[in-house]
Amino acid sequence: MNSLKKLRDSYIIWHANRIKFPDFAQSPVVRKNITFSGKVQNVGFRLELWRLAQRLNLKGWVKNSDDGSVIAELQGEESKIDFLIKSMQSLKRATVNEPHIVELPFSDEELDIKIIR
């Protein structure tokens, strides 16, 4: 990994770790497939989404799509997933169009959040 990418990645993790979370009201556990389109690749979007999901104790995965979008499948409290979506839309280094969200059936399998390359 080149030193500029390492520097960018460490900044993204630092930024994601600084985001303050509100006090979340308890909400139902849901599973959503979210497609973020716009300028979302090559700006650390996937890494920040992964780190925030990790901090929010969400489960699932995130990956780049061949069409230039980023796709995430997340399971957890609905209020936390909604907060994550709004946070990703507010990033200054990315341009996020309205995300496409599909509700999925809840899964009992025990997953961690992971980045698919």
PDB file of N, CA and C in Angstrom:
ATOM      1  N   MET A   1       0.859  -1.172   0.000  1.00  0.00           N
ATOM      2  CA  MET A   1       0.000   0.000   0.000  1.00  0.00           C
ATOM      3  C   MET A   1       0.903   1.232   0.000  1.00  0.00           C
ATOM      4  N   ASN A   2       0.615   2.173  -0.857  1.00  0.00           N
ATOM      5  CA  ASN A   2       1.487   3.339  -0.901  1.00  0.00           C
ATOM      6  C   ASN A   2       1.211   4.261   0.282  1.00  0.00           C
ATOM      7  N   SER A   3       2.167   5.132   0.547  1.00  0.00           N
ATOM      8  CA  SER A   3       2.077   5.971   1.752  1.00  0.00           C
ATOM      9  C   SER A   3       0.925   6.977   1.698  1.00  0.00           C
ATOM     10  N   LEU A   4       0.553   7.461   0.507  1.00  0.00           N
ATOM     11  CA  LEU A   4      -0.580   8.385   0.425  1.00  0.00           C
ATOM     12  C   LEU A   4      -1.897   7.691   0.775  1.00  0.00           C
ATOM     13  N   LYS A   5      -2.062   6.446   0.334  1.00  0.00           N
ATOM     14  CA  LYS A   5      -3.274   5.693   0.667  1.00  0.00           C
ATOM     15  C   LYS A   5      -3.311   5.408   2.166  1.00  0.00           C
ATOM     16  N   LYS A   6      -2.181   5.061   2.763  1.00  0.00           N
ATOM     17  CA  LYS A   6      -2.123   4.831   4.213  1.00  0.00           C
ATOM     18  C   LYS A   6      -2.501   6.098   4.970  1.00  0.00           C
ATOM     19  N   LEU A   7      -2.001   7.228   4.504  1.00  0.00           N
ATOM     20  CA  LEU A   7      -2.307   8.503   5.139  1.00  0.00           C
ATOM     21  C   LEU A   7      -3.799   8.815   5.013  1.00  0.00           C
ATOM     22  N   ARG A   8      -4.354   8.626   3.816  1.00  0.00           N
ATOM     23  CA  ARG A   8      -5.781   8.863   3.605  1.00  0.00           C
ATOM     24  C   ARG A   8      -6.620   7.951   4.491  1.00  0.00           C
ATOM     25  N   ASP A   9      -6.269   6.667   4.520  1.00  0.00           N
ATOM     26  CA  ASP A   9      -7.031   5.706   5.320  1.00  0.00           C
ATOM     27  C   ASP A   9      -6.970   6.036   6.807  1.00  0.00           C
ATOM     28  N   SER A  10      -5.813   6.461   7.294  1.00  0.00           N
ATOM     29  CA  SER A  10      -5.719   6.811   8.718  1.00  0.00           C
ATOM     30  C   SER A  10      -6.555   8.058   9.017  1.00  0.00           C
ATOM     31  N   TYR A  11      -6.617   9.012   8.070  1.00  0.00           N
ATOM     32  CA  TYR A  11      -7.474  10.191   8.258  1.00  0.00           C
ATOM     33  C   TYR A  11      -8.944   9.774   8.308  1.00  0.00           C
ATOM     34  N   ILE A  12      -9.341   8.870   7.428  1.00  0.00           N
ATOM     35  CA  ILE A  12     -10.741   8.437   7.372  1.00  0.00           C
ATOM     36  C   ILE A  12     -11.145   7.751   8.675  1.00  0.00           C
ATOM     37  N   ILE A  13     -10.292   6.879   9.180  1.00  0.00           N
ATOM     38  CA  ILE A  13     -10.573   6.199  10.447  1.00  0.00           C
ATOM     39  C   ILE A  13     -10.640   7.224  11.578  1.00  0.00           C
ATOM     40  N   TRP A  14      -9.714   8.174  11.587  1.00  0.00           N
ATOM     41  CA  TRP A  14      -9.716   9.233  12.603  1.00  0.00           C
ATOM     42  C   TRP A  14     -11.037  10.010  12.540  1.00  0.00           C
ATOM     43  N   HIS A  15     -11.443  10.379  11.321  1.00  0.00           N
ATOM     44  CA  HIS A  15     -12.676  11.137  11.129  1.00  0.00           C
ATOM     45  C   HIS A  15     -13.887  10.335  11.608  1.00  0.00           C
ATOM     46  N   ALA A  16     -13.967   9.077  11.222  1.00  0.00           N
ATOM     47  CA  ALA A  16     -15.099   8.230  11.612  1.00  0.00           C
ATOM     48  C   ALA A  16     -15.153   8.028  13.123  1.00  0.00           C
ATOM     49  N   ASN A  17     -14.008   7.986  13.756  1.00  0.00           N
ATOM     50  CA  ASN A  17     -13.968   7.803  15.208  1.00  0.00           C
ATOM     51  C   ASN A  17     -14.372   9.060  15.968  1.00  0.00           C
ATOM     52  N   ARG A  18     -14.320  10.210  15.327  1.00  0.00           N
ATOM     53  CA  ARG A  18     -14.660  11.480  15.983  1.00  0.00           C
ATOM     54  C   ARG A  18     -16.151  11.822  15.906  1.00  0.00           C
ATOM     55  N   ILE A  19     -16.889  11.153  15.056  1.00  0.00           N
ATOM     56  CA  ILE A  19     -18.309  11.459  14.915  1.00  0.00           C
ATOM     57  C   ILE A  19     -19.029  11.122  16.213  1.00  0.00           C
ATOM     58  N   LYS A  20     -19.751  12.095  16.715  1.00  0.00           N
ATOM     59  CA  LYS A  20     -20.499  11.915  17.965  1.00  0.00           C
ATOM     60  C   LYS A  20     -21.869  11.310  17.638  1.00  0.00           C
ATOM     61  N   PHE A  21     -22.223  10.317  18.402  1.00  0.00           N
ATOM     62  CA  PHE A  21     -23.507   9.658  18.215  1.00  0.00           C
ATOM     63  C   PHE A  21     -24.543  10.252  19.161  1.00  0.00           C
ATOM     64  N   PRO A  22     -25.771  10.381  18.684  1.00  0.00           N
ATOM     65  CA  PRO A  22     -26.845  10.817  19.589  1.00  0.00           C
ATOM     66  C   PRO A  22     -27.228   9.664  20.521  1.00  0.00           C
ATOM     67  N   ASP A  23     -28.057   9.952  21.490  1.00  0.00           N
ATOM     68  CA  ASP A  23     -28.639   8.880  22.297  1.00  0.00           C
ATOM     69  C   ASP A  23     -29.756   8.267  21.458  1.00  0.00           C
ATOM     70  N   PHE A  24     -29.549   7.039  21.046  1.00  0.00           N
ATOM     71  CA  PHE A  24     -30.518   6.383  20.180  1.00  0.00           C
ATOM     72  C   PHE A  24     -31.668   5.819  21.005  1.00  0.00           C
ATOM     73  N   ALA A  25     -32.880   6.118  20.575  1.00  0.00           N
ATOM     74  CA  ALA A  25     -34.043   5.470  21.163  1.00  0.00           C
ATOM     75  C   ALA A  25     -34.046   4.029  20.659  1.00  0.00           C
ATOM     76  N   GLN A  26     -34.486   3.127  21.482  1.00  0.00           N
ATOM     77  CA  GLN A  26     -34.534   1.738  21.061  1.00  0.00           C
ATOM     78  C   GLN A  26     -35.460   1.615  19.859  1.00  0.00           C
ATOM     79  N   SER A  27     -35.012   0.887  18.858  1.00  0.00           N
ATOM     80  CA  SER A  27     -35.823   0.712  17.657  1.00  0.00           C
ATOM     81  C   SER A  27     -35.720  -0.735  17.197  1.00  0.00           C
ATOM     82  N   PRO A  28     -36.626  -1.153  16.313  1.00  0.00           N
ATOM     83  CA  PRO A  28     -36.610  -2.556  15.864  1.00  0.00           C
ATOM     84  C   PRO A  28     -35.349  -2.869  15.066  1.00  0.00           C
ATOM     85  N   VAL A  29     -34.958  -4.128  15.098  1.00  0.00           N
ATOM     86  CA  VAL A  29     -33.829  -4.594  14.300  1.00  0.00           C
ATOM     87  C   VAL A  29     -34.335  -4.876  12.893  1.00  0.00           C
ATOM     88  N   VAL A  30     -33.649  -4.300  11.915  1.00  0.00           N
ATOM     89  CA  VAL A  30     -34.025  -4.453  10.514  1.00  0.00           C
ATOM     90  C   VAL A  30     -32.793  -4.822   9.698  1.00  0.00           C
ATOM     91  N   ARG A  31     -33.018  -5.217   8.474  1.00  0.00           N
ATOM     92  CA  ARG A  31     -31.933  -5.499   7.526  1.00  0.00           C
ATOM     93  C   ARG A  31     -32.247  -4.704   6.267  1.00  0.00           C
ATOM     94  N   LYS A  32     -31.249  -3.942   5.793  1.00  0.00           N
ATOM     95  CA  LYS A  32     -31.456  -3.107   4.609  1.00  0.00           C
ATOM     96  C   LYS A  32     -30.289  -3.260   3.645  1.00  0.00           C
ATOM     97  N   ASN A  33     -30.618  -3.246   2.368  1.00  0.00           N
ATOM     98  CA  ASN A  33     -29.615  -3.177   1.313  1.00  0.00           C
ATOM     99  C   ASN A  33     -29.654  -1.747   0.806  1.00  0.00           C
ATOM    100  N   ILE A  34     -28.506  -1.058   0.869  1.00  0.00           N
ATOM    101  CA  ILE A  34     -28.443   0.359   0.521  1.00  0.00           C
ATOM    102  C   ILE A  34     -27.425   0.549  -0.591  1.00  0.00           C
ATOM    103  N   THR A  35     -27.836   1.218  -1.655  1.00  0.00           N
ATOM    104  CA  THR A  35     -26.923   1.549  -2.749  1.00  0.00           C
ATOM    105  C   THR A  35     -26.695   3.056  -2.727  1.00  0.00           C
ATOM    106  N   PHE A  36     -25.425   3.439  -2.543  1.00  0.00           N
ATOM    107  CA  PHE A  36     -25.023   4.839  -2.562  1.00  0.00           C
ATOM    108  C   PHE A  36     -24.398   5.113  -3.924  1.00  0.00           C
ATOM    109  N   SER A  37     -24.961   6.061  -4.661  1.00  0.00           N
ATOM    110  CA  SER A  37     -24.392   6.424  -5.962  1.00  0.00           C
ATOM    111  C   SER A  37     -23.947   7.879  -5.916  1.00  0.00           C
ATOM    112  N   GLY A  38     -23.205   8.276  -6.927  1.00  0.00           N
ATOM    113  CA  GLY A  38     -22.612   9.605  -6.969  1.00  0.00           C
ATOM    114  C   GLY A  38     -21.101   9.452  -6.983  1.00  0.00           C
ATOM    115  N   LYS A  39     -20.387  10.421  -6.409  1.00  0.00           N
ATOM    116  CA  LYS A  39     -18.922  10.294  -6.277  1.00  0.00           C
ATOM    117  C   LYS A  39     -18.649   9.647  -4.929  1.00  0.00           C
ATOM    118  N   VAL A  40     -18.669   8.311  -4.917  1.00  0.00           N
ATOM    119  CA  VAL A  40     -18.508   7.567  -3.674  1.00  0.00           C
ATOM    120  C   VAL A  40     -17.354   6.571  -3.711  1.00  0.00           C
ATOM    121  N   GLN A  41     -16.690   6.439  -4.848  1.00  0.00           N
ATOM    122  CA  GLN A  41     -15.517   5.568  -4.913  1.00  0.00           C
ATOM    123  C   GLN A  41     -14.263   6.429  -5.003  1.00  0.00           C
ATOM    124  N   ASN A  42     -13.166   5.892  -4.462  1.00  0.00           N
ATOM    125  CA  ASN A  42     -11.853   6.559  -4.434  1.00  0.00           C
ATOM    126  C   ASN A  42     -11.832   7.791  -3.537  1.00  0.00           C
ATOM    127  N   VAL A  43     -12.741   7.845  -2.551  1.00  0.00           N
ATOM    128  CA  VAL A  43     -12.745   8.958  -1.588  1.00  0.00           C
ATOM    129  C   VAL A  43     -12.777   8.435  -0.146  1.00  0.00           C
ATOM    130  N   GLY A  44     -12.603   7.129   0.045  1.00  0.00           N
ATOM    131  CA  GLY A  44     -12.628   6.544   1.373  1.00  0.00           C
ATOM    132  C   GLY A  44     -14.028   6.307   1.922  1.00  0.00           C
ATOM    133  N   PHE A  45     -15.008   6.353   1.066  1.00  0.00           N
ATOM    134  CA  PHE A  45     -16.410   6.214   1.468  1.00  0.00           C
ATOM    135  C   PHE A  45     -16.674   4.849   2.095  1.00  0.00           C
ATOM    136  N   ARG A  46     -16.218   3.804   1.420  1.00  0.00           N
ATOM    137  CA  ARG A  46     -16.455   2.433   1.883  1.00  0.00           C
ATOM    138  C   ARG A  46     -15.801   2.196   3.247  1.00  0.00           C
ATOM    139  N   LEU A  47     -14.582   2.692   3.423  1.00  0.00           N
ATOM    140  CA  LEU A  47     -13.868   2.534   4.688  1.00  0.00           C
ATOM    141  C   LEU A  47     -14.584   3.276   5.821  1.00  0.00           C
ATOM    142  N   GLU A  48     -15.050   4.491   5.556  1.00  0.00           N
ATOM    143  CA  GLU A  48     -15.763   5.249   6.588  1.00  0.00           C
ATOM    144  C   GLU A  48     -17.095   4.585   6.927  1.00  0.00           C
ATOM    145  N   LEU A  49     -17.804   4.119   5.918  1.00  0.00           N
ATOM    146  CA  LEU A  49     -19.067   3.433   6.166  1.00  0.00           C
ATOM    147  C   LEU A  49     -18.825   2.199   7.036  1.00  0.00           C
ATOM    148  N   TRP A  50     -17.794   1.428   6.719  1.00  0.00           N
ATOM    149  CA  TRP A  50     -17.450   0.234   7.493  1.00  0.00           C
ATOM    150  C   TRP A  50     -17.138   0.594   8.939  1.00  0.00           C
ATOM    151  N   ARG A  51     -16.319   1.626   9.160  1.00  0.00           N
ATOM    152  CA  ARG A  51     -15.924   1.990  10.528  1.00  0.00           C
ATOM    153  C   ARG A  51     -17.117   2.497  11.335  1.00  0.00           C
ATOM    154  N   LEU A  52     -17.966   3.321  10.723  1.00  0.00           N
ATOM    155  CA  LEU A  52     -19.151   3.792  11.440  1.00  0.00           C
ATOM    156  C   LEU A  52     -20.088   2.632  11.772  1.00  0.00           C
ATOM    157  N   ALA A  53     -20.285   1.723  10.824  1.00  0.00           N
ATOM    158  CA  ALA A  53     -21.136   0.559  11.076  1.00  0.00           C
ATOM    159  C   ALA A  53     -20.561  -0.280  12.214  1.00  0.00           C
ATOM    160  N   GLN A  54     -19.265  -0.409  12.241  1.00  0.00           N
ATOM    161  CA  GLN A  54     -18.596  -1.150  13.308  1.00  0.00           C
ATOM    162  C   GLN A  54     -18.856  -0.481  14.661  1.00  0.00           C
ATOM    163  N   ARG A  55     -18.687   0.838  14.727  1.00  0.00           N
ATOM    164  CA  ARG A  55     -18.922   1.573  15.970  1.00  0.00           C
ATOM    165  C   ARG A  55     -20.383   1.498  16.413  1.00  0.00           C
ATOM    166  N   LEU A  56     -21.302   1.402  15.458  1.00  0.00           N
ATOM    167  CA  LEU A  56     -22.732   1.345  15.765  1.00  0.00           C
ATOM    168  C   LEU A  56     -23.220  -0.086  16.036  1.00  0.00           C
ATOM    169  N   ASN A  57     -22.288  -1.037  16.021  1.00  0.00           N
ATOM    170  CA  ASN A  57     -22.611  -2.456  16.253  1.00  0.00           C
ATOM    171  C   ASN A  57     -23.585  -3.011  15.228  1.00  0.00           C
ATOM    172  N   LEU A  58     -23.431  -2.576  13.985  1.00  0.00           N
ATOM    173  CA  LEU A  58     -24.245  -3.108  12.899  1.00  0.00           C
ATOM    174  C   LEU A  58     -23.545  -4.322  12.306  1.00  0.00           C
ATOM    175  N   LYS A  59     -24.295  -5.163  11.656  1.00  0.00           N
ATOM    176  CA  LYS A  59     -23.768  -6.367  11.011  1.00  0.00           C
ATOM    177  C   LYS A  59     -23.983  -6.251   9.514  1.00  0.00           C
ATOM    178  N   GLY A  60     -23.173  -6.971   8.729  1.00  0.00           N
ATOM    179  CA  GLY A  60     -23.367  -6.996   7.289  1.00  0.00           C
ATOM    180  C   GLY A  60     -22.078  -6.814   6.521  1.00  0.00           C
ATOM    181  N   TRP A  61     -22.176  -6.140   5.382  1.00  0.00           N
ATOM    182  CA  TRP A  61     -21.016  -5.952   4.515  1.00  0.00           C
ATOM    183  C   TRP A  61     -21.168  -4.681   3.692  1.00  0.00           C
ATOM    184  N   VAL A  62     -20.041  -4.256   3.117  1.00  0.00           N
ATOM    185  CA  VAL A  62     -20.009  -3.093   2.226  1.00  0.00           C
ATOM    186  C   VAL A  62     -19.017  -3.389   1.106  1.00  0.00           C
ATOM    187  N   LYS A  63     -19.360  -2.995  -0.116  1.00  0.00           N
ATOM    188  CA  LYS A  63     -18.469  -3.252  -1.246  1.00  0.00           C
ATOM    189  C   LYS A  63     -18.667  -2.212  -2.344  1.00  0.00           C
ATOM    190  N   ASN A  64     -17.637  -2.062  -3.176  1.00  0.00           N
ATOM    191  CA  ASN A  64     -17.726  -1.234  -4.372  1.00  0.00           C
ATOM    192  C   ASN A  64     -18.434  -2.033  -5.457  1.00  0.00           C
ATOM    193  N   SER A  65     -19.227  -1.349  -6.251  1.00  0.00           N
ATOM    194  CA  SER A  65     -19.899  -1.972  -7.379  1.00  0.00           C
ATOM    195  C   SER A  65     -19.180  -1.554  -8.663  1.00  0.00           C
ATOM    196  N   ASP A  66     -19.290  -2.370  -9.694  1.00  0.00           N
ATOM    197  CA  ASP A  66     -18.647  -2.056 -10.972  1.00  0.00           C
ATOM    198  C   ASP A  66     -19.187  -0.788 -11.613  1.00  0.00           C
ATOM    199  N   ASP A  67     -20.414  -0.383 -11.252  1.00  0.00           N
ATOM    200  CA  ASP A  67     -21.005   0.811 -11.861  1.00  0.00           C
ATOM    201  C   ASP A  67     -20.603   2.119 -11.154  1.00  0.00           C
ATOM    202  N   GLY A  68     -19.697   2.026 -10.165  1.00  0.00           N
ATOM    203  CA  GLY A  68     -19.225   3.227  -9.467  1.00  0.00           C
ATOM    204  C   GLY A  68     -19.963   3.532  -8.176  1.00  0.00           C
ATOM    205  N   SER A  69     -20.942   2.721  -7.838  1.00  0.00           N
ATOM    206  CA  SER A  69     -21.679   2.923  -6.584  1.00  0.00           C
ATOM    207  C   SER A  69     -21.048   2.087  -5.472  1.00  0.00           C
ATOM    208  N   VAL A  70     -21.507   2.312  -4.255  1.00  0.00           N
ATOM    209  CA  VAL A  70     -21.112   1.510  -3.101  1.00  0.00           C
ATOM    210  C   VAL A  70     -22.380   0.877  -2.552  1.00  0.00           C
ATOM    211  N   ILE A  71     -22.321  -0.428  -2.327  1.00  0.00           N
ATOM    212  CA  ILE A  71     -23.477  -1.175  -1.843  1.00  0.00           C
ATOM    213  C   ILE A  71     -23.175  -1.677  -0.434  1.00  0.00           C
ATOM    214  N   ALA A  72     -24.144  -1.516   0.452  1.00  0.00           N
ATOM    215  CA  ALA A  72     -24.011  -2.026   1.817  1.00  0.00           C
ATOM    216  C   ALA A  72     -25.257  -2.810   2.172  1.00  0.00           C
ATOM    217  N   GLU A  73     -25.061  -3.920   2.835  1.00  0.00           N
ATOM    218  CA  GLU A  73     -26.176  -4.652   3.408  1.00  0.00           C
ATOM    219  C   GLU A  73     -25.951  -4.635   4.911  1.00  0.00           C
ATOM    220  N   LEU A  74     -26.857  -3.982   5.624  1.00  0.00           N
ATOM    221  CA  LEU A  74     -26.680  -3.752   7.053  1.00  0.00           C
ATOM    222  C   LEU A  74     -27.861  -4.288   7.842  1.00  0.00           C
ATOM    223  N   GLN A  75     -27.544  -4.831   9.005  1.00  0.00           N
ATOM    224  CA  GLN A  75     -28.582  -5.300   9.917  1.00  0.00           C
ATOM    225  C   GLN A  75     -28.286  -4.741  11.302  1.00  0.00           C
ATOM    226  N   GLY A  76     -29.310  -4.209  11.934  1.00  0.00           N
ATOM    227  CA  GLY A  76     -29.182  -3.652  13.270  1.00  0.00           C
ATOM    228  C   GLY A  76     -30.386  -2.789  13.569  1.00  0.00           C
ATOM    229  N   GLU A  77     -30.272  -2.006  14.640  1.00  0.00           N
ATOM    230  CA  GLU A  77     -31.382  -1.136  15.005  1.00  0.00           C
ATOM    231  C   GLU A  77     -31.620  -0.111  13.891  1.00  0.00           C
ATOM    232  N   GLU A  78     -32.871   0.066  13.547  1.00  0.00           N
ATOM    233  CA  GLU A  78     -33.230   0.941  12.437  1.00  0.00           C
ATOM    234  C   GLU A  78     -32.740   2.376  12.644  1.00  0.00           C
ATOM    235  N   SER A  79     -32.828   2.875  13.863  1.00  0.00           N
ATOM    236  CA  SER A  79     -32.385   4.248  14.127  1.00  0.00           C
ATOM    237  C   SER A  79     -30.884   4.411  13.862  1.00  0.00           C
ATOM    238  N   LYS A  80     -30.104   3.382  14.134  1.00  0.00           N
ATOM    239  CA  LYS A  80     -28.654   3.439  13.894  1.00  0.00           C
ATOM    240  C   LYS A  80     -28.336   3.366  12.401  1.00  0.00           C
ATOM    241  N   ILE A  81     -29.055   2.536  11.677  1.00  0.00           N
ATOM    242  CA  ILE A  81     -28.847   2.455  10.226  1.00  0.00           C
ATOM    243  C   ILE A  81     -29.227   3.788   9.575  1.00  0.00           C
ATOM    244  N   ASP A  82     -30.344   4.360   9.988  1.00  0.00           N
ATOM    245  CA  ASP A  82     -30.765   5.661   9.443  1.00  0.00           C
ATOM    246  C   ASP A  82     -29.739   6.748   9.748  1.00  0.00           C
ATOM    247  N   PHE A  83     -29.170   6.751  10.953  1.00  0.00           N
ATOM    248  CA  PHE A  83     -28.132   7.714  11.317  1.00  0.00           C
ATOM    249  C   PHE A  83     -26.913   7.530  10.414  1.00  0.00           C
ATOM    250  N   LEU A  84     -26.514   6.289  10.174  1.00  0.00           N
ATOM    251  CA  LEU A  84     -25.355   6.017   9.324  1.00  0.00           C
ATOM    252  C   LEU A  84     -25.597   6.529   7.906  1.00  0.00           C
ATOM    253  N   ILE A  85     -26.782   6.300   7.371  1.00  0.00           N
ATOM    254  CA  ILE A  85     -27.105   6.761   6.017  1.00  0.00           C
ATOM    255  C   ILE A  85     -26.996   8.284   5.946  1.00  0.00           C
ATOM    256  N   LYS A  86     -27.551   8.990   6.907  1.00  0.00           N
ATOM    257  CA  LYS A  86     -27.492  10.460   6.929  1.00  0.00           C
ATOM    258  C   LYS A  86     -26.054  10.954   7.072  1.00  0.00           C
ATOM    259  N   SER A  87     -25.266  10.258   7.886  1.00  0.00           N
ATOM    260  CA  SER A  87     -23.859  10.629   8.056  1.00  0.00           C
ATOM    261  C   SER A  87     -23.098  10.497   6.743  1.00  0.00           C
ATOM    262  N   MET A  88     -23.355   9.416   6.022  1.00  0.00           N
ATOM    263  CA  MET A  88     -22.649   9.195   4.760  1.00  0.00           C
ATOM    264  C   MET A  88     -23.083  10.223   3.705  1.00  0.00           C
ATOM    265  N   GLN A  89     -24.340  10.645   3.741  1.00  0.00           N
ATOM    266  CA  GLN A  89     -24.814  11.659   2.796  1.00  0.00           C
ATOM    267  C   GLN A  89     -24.195  13.028   3.080  1.00  0.00           C
ATOM    268  N   SER A  90     -23.753  13.252   4.305  1.00  0.00           N
ATOM    269  CA  SER A  90     -23.225  14.567   4.669  1.00  0.00           C
ATOM    270  C   SER A  90     -21.713  14.700   4.484  1.00  0.00           C
ATOM    271  N   LEU A  91     -21.040  13.657   4.027  1.00  0.00           N
ATOM    272  CA  LEU A  91     -19.587  13.739   3.831  1.00  0.00           C
ATOM    273  C   LEU A  91     -19.234  14.809   2.809  1.00  0.00           C
ATOM    274  N   LYS A  92     -18.237  15.601   3.124  1.00  0.00           N
ATOM    275  CA  LYS A  92     -17.817  16.673   2.216  1.00  0.00           C
ATOM    276  C   LYS A  92     -16.996  16.144   1.043  1.00  0.00           C
ATOM    277  N   ARG A  93     -16.238  15.058   1.258  1.00  0.00           N
ATOM    278  CA  ARG A  93     -15.348  14.561   0.203  1.00  0.00           C
ATOM    279  C   ARG A  93     -16.064  13.648  -0.793  1.00  0.00           C
ATOM    280  N   ALA A  94     -17.347  13.391  -0.558  1.00  0.00           N
ATOM    281  CA  ALA A  94     -18.140  12.547  -1.456  1.00  0.00           C
ATOM    282  C   ALA A  94     -19.372  13.327  -1.898  1.00  0.00           C
ATOM    283  N   THR A  95     -19.912  12.928  -3.016  1.00  0.00           N
ATOM    284  CA  THR A  95     -21.184  13.471  -3.487  1.00  0.00           C
ATOM    285  C   THR A  95     -22.142  12.297  -3.573  1.00  0.00           C
ATOM    286  N   VAL A  96     -23.117  12.277  -2.676  1.00  0.00           N
ATOM    287  CA  VAL A  96     -24.021  11.134  -2.578  1.00  0.00           C
ATOM    288  C   VAL A  96     -25.395  11.522  -3.096  1.00  0.00           C
ATOM    289  N   ASN A  97     -25.848  10.803  -4.126  1.00  0.00           N
ATOM    290  CA  ASN A  97     -27.223  10.958  -4.594  1.00  0.00           C
ATOM    291  C   ASN A  97     -28.147  10.307  -3.567  1.00  0.00           C
ATOM    292  N   GLU A  98     -29.440  10.466  -3.755  1.00  0.00           N
ATOM    293  CA  GLU A  98     -30.405   9.834  -2.845  1.00  0.00           C
ATOM    294  C   GLU A  98     -30.154   8.321  -2.842  1.00  0.00           C
ATOM    295  N   PRO A  99     -29.874   7.735  -1.666  1.00  0.00           N
ATOM    296  CA  PRO A  99     -29.593   6.296  -1.629  1.00  0.00           C
ATOM    297  C   PRO A  99     -30.819   5.467  -1.988  1.00  0.00           C
ATOM    298  N   HIS A 100     -30.571   4.343  -2.626  1.00  0.00           N
ATOM    299  CA  HIS A 100     -31.630   3.390  -2.946  1.00  0.00           C
ATOM    300  C   HIS A 100     -31.645   2.344  -1.830  1.00  0.00           C
ATOM    301  N   ILE A 101     -32.767   2.236  -1.114  1.00  0.00           N
ATOM    302  CA  ILE A 101     -32.853   1.366   0.060  1.00  0.00           C
ATOM    303  C   ILE A 101     -33.908   0.287  -0.176  1.00  0.00           C
ATOM    304  N   VAL A 102     -33.504  -0.951   0.067  1.00  0.00           N
ATOM    305  CA  VAL A 102     -34.405  -2.087  -0.051  1.00  0.00           C
ATOM    306  C   VAL A 102     -34.448  -2.791   1.304  1.00  0.00           C
ATOM    307  N   GLU A 103     -35.667  -2.948   1.845  1.00  0.00           N
ATOM    308  CA  GLU A 103     -35.849  -3.679   3.103  1.00  0.00           C
ATOM    309  C   GLU A 103     -35.696  -5.173   2.819  1.00  0.00           C
ATOM    310  N   LEU A 104     -34.947  -5.847   3.680  1.00  0.00           N
ATOM    311  CA  LEU A 104     -34.727  -7.287   3.534  1.00  0.00           C
ATOM    312  C   LEU A 104     -35.218  -8.009   4.778  1.00  0.00           C
ATOM    313  N   PRO A 105     -35.476  -9.312   4.670  1.00  0.00           N
ATOM    314  CA  PRO A 105     -35.868 -10.075   5.865  1.00  0.00           C
ATOM    315  C   PRO A 105     -34.710 -10.139   6.857  1.00  0.00           C
ATOM    316  N   PHE A 106     -35.039 -10.094   8.128  1.00  0.00           N
ATOM    317  CA  PHE A 106     -34.071 -10.208   9.212  1.00  0.00           C
ATOM    318  C   PHE A 106     -33.365 -11.558   9.120  1.00  0.00           C
ATOM    319  N   SER A 107     -32.061 -11.578   9.407  1.00  0.00           N
ATOM    320  CA  SER A 107     -31.290 -12.819   9.370  1.00  0.00           C
ATOM    321  C   SER A 107     -30.781 -13.147  10.767  1.00  0.00           C
ATOM    322  N   ASP A 108     -30.878 -14.412  11.160  1.00  0.00           N
ATOM    323  CA  ASP A 108     -30.394 -14.849  12.471  1.00  0.00           C
ATOM    324  C   ASP A 108     -28.905 -15.151  12.476  1.00  0.00           C
ATOM    325  N   GLU A 109     -28.279 -15.232  11.302  1.00  0.00           N
ATOM    326  CA  GLU A 109     -26.864 -15.587  11.296  1.00  0.00           C
ATOM    327  C   GLU A 109     -26.037 -14.486  11.952  1.00  0.00           C
ATOM    328  N   GLU A 110     -25.035 -14.910  12.690  1.00  0.00           N
ATOM    329  CA  GLU A 110     -24.186 -13.989  13.439  1.00  0.00           C
ATOM    330  C   GLU A 110     -23.069 -13.505  12.523  1.00  0.00           C
ATOM    331  N   LEU A 111     -23.153 -12.272  12.071  1.00  0.00           N
ATOM    332  CA  LEU A 111     -22.175 -11.692  11.166  1.00  0.00           C
ATOM    333  C   LEU A 111     -21.489 -10.513  11.826  1.00  0.00           C
ATOM    334  N   ASP A 112     -20.292 -10.227  11.376  1.00  0.00           N
ATOM    335  CA  ASP A 112     -19.632  -8.980  11.712  1.00  0.00           C
ATOM    336  C   ASP A 112     -19.784  -8.079  10.499  1.00  0.00           C
ATOM    337  N   ILE A 113     -19.424  -6.823  10.657  1.00  0.00           N
ATOM    338  CA  ILE A 113     -19.416  -5.931   9.495  1.00  0.00           C
ATOM    339  C   ILE A 113     -18.084  -6.160   8.774  1.00  0.00           C
ATOM    340  N   LYS A 114     -18.111  -6.314   7.449  1.00  0.00           N
ATOM    341  CA  LYS A 114     -16.874  -6.525   6.720  1.00  0.00           C
ATOM    342  C   LYS A 114     -16.895  -5.762   5.398  1.00  0.00           C
ATOM    343  N   ILE A 115     -15.688  -5.493   4.914  1.00  0.00           N
ATOM    344  CA  ILE A 115     -15.518  -4.868   3.607  1.00  0.00           C
ATOM    345  C   ILE A 115     -15.243  -5.984   2.608  1.00  0.00           C
ATOM    346  N   ILE A 116     -15.990  -6.014   1.550  1.00  0.00           N
ATOM    347  CA  ILE A 116     -15.750  -6.981   0.480  1.00  0.00           C
ATOM    348  C   ILE A 116     -14.976  -6.258  -0.607  1.00  0.00           C
ATOM    349  N   ARG A 117     -13.899  -6.805  -0.986  1.00  0.00           N
ATOM    350  CA  ARG A 117     -13.046  -6.154  -2.011  1.00  0.00           C
ATOM    351  C   ARG A 117     -13.344  -6.697  -3.374  1.00  0.00           C
TER     352      ARG A 117
END
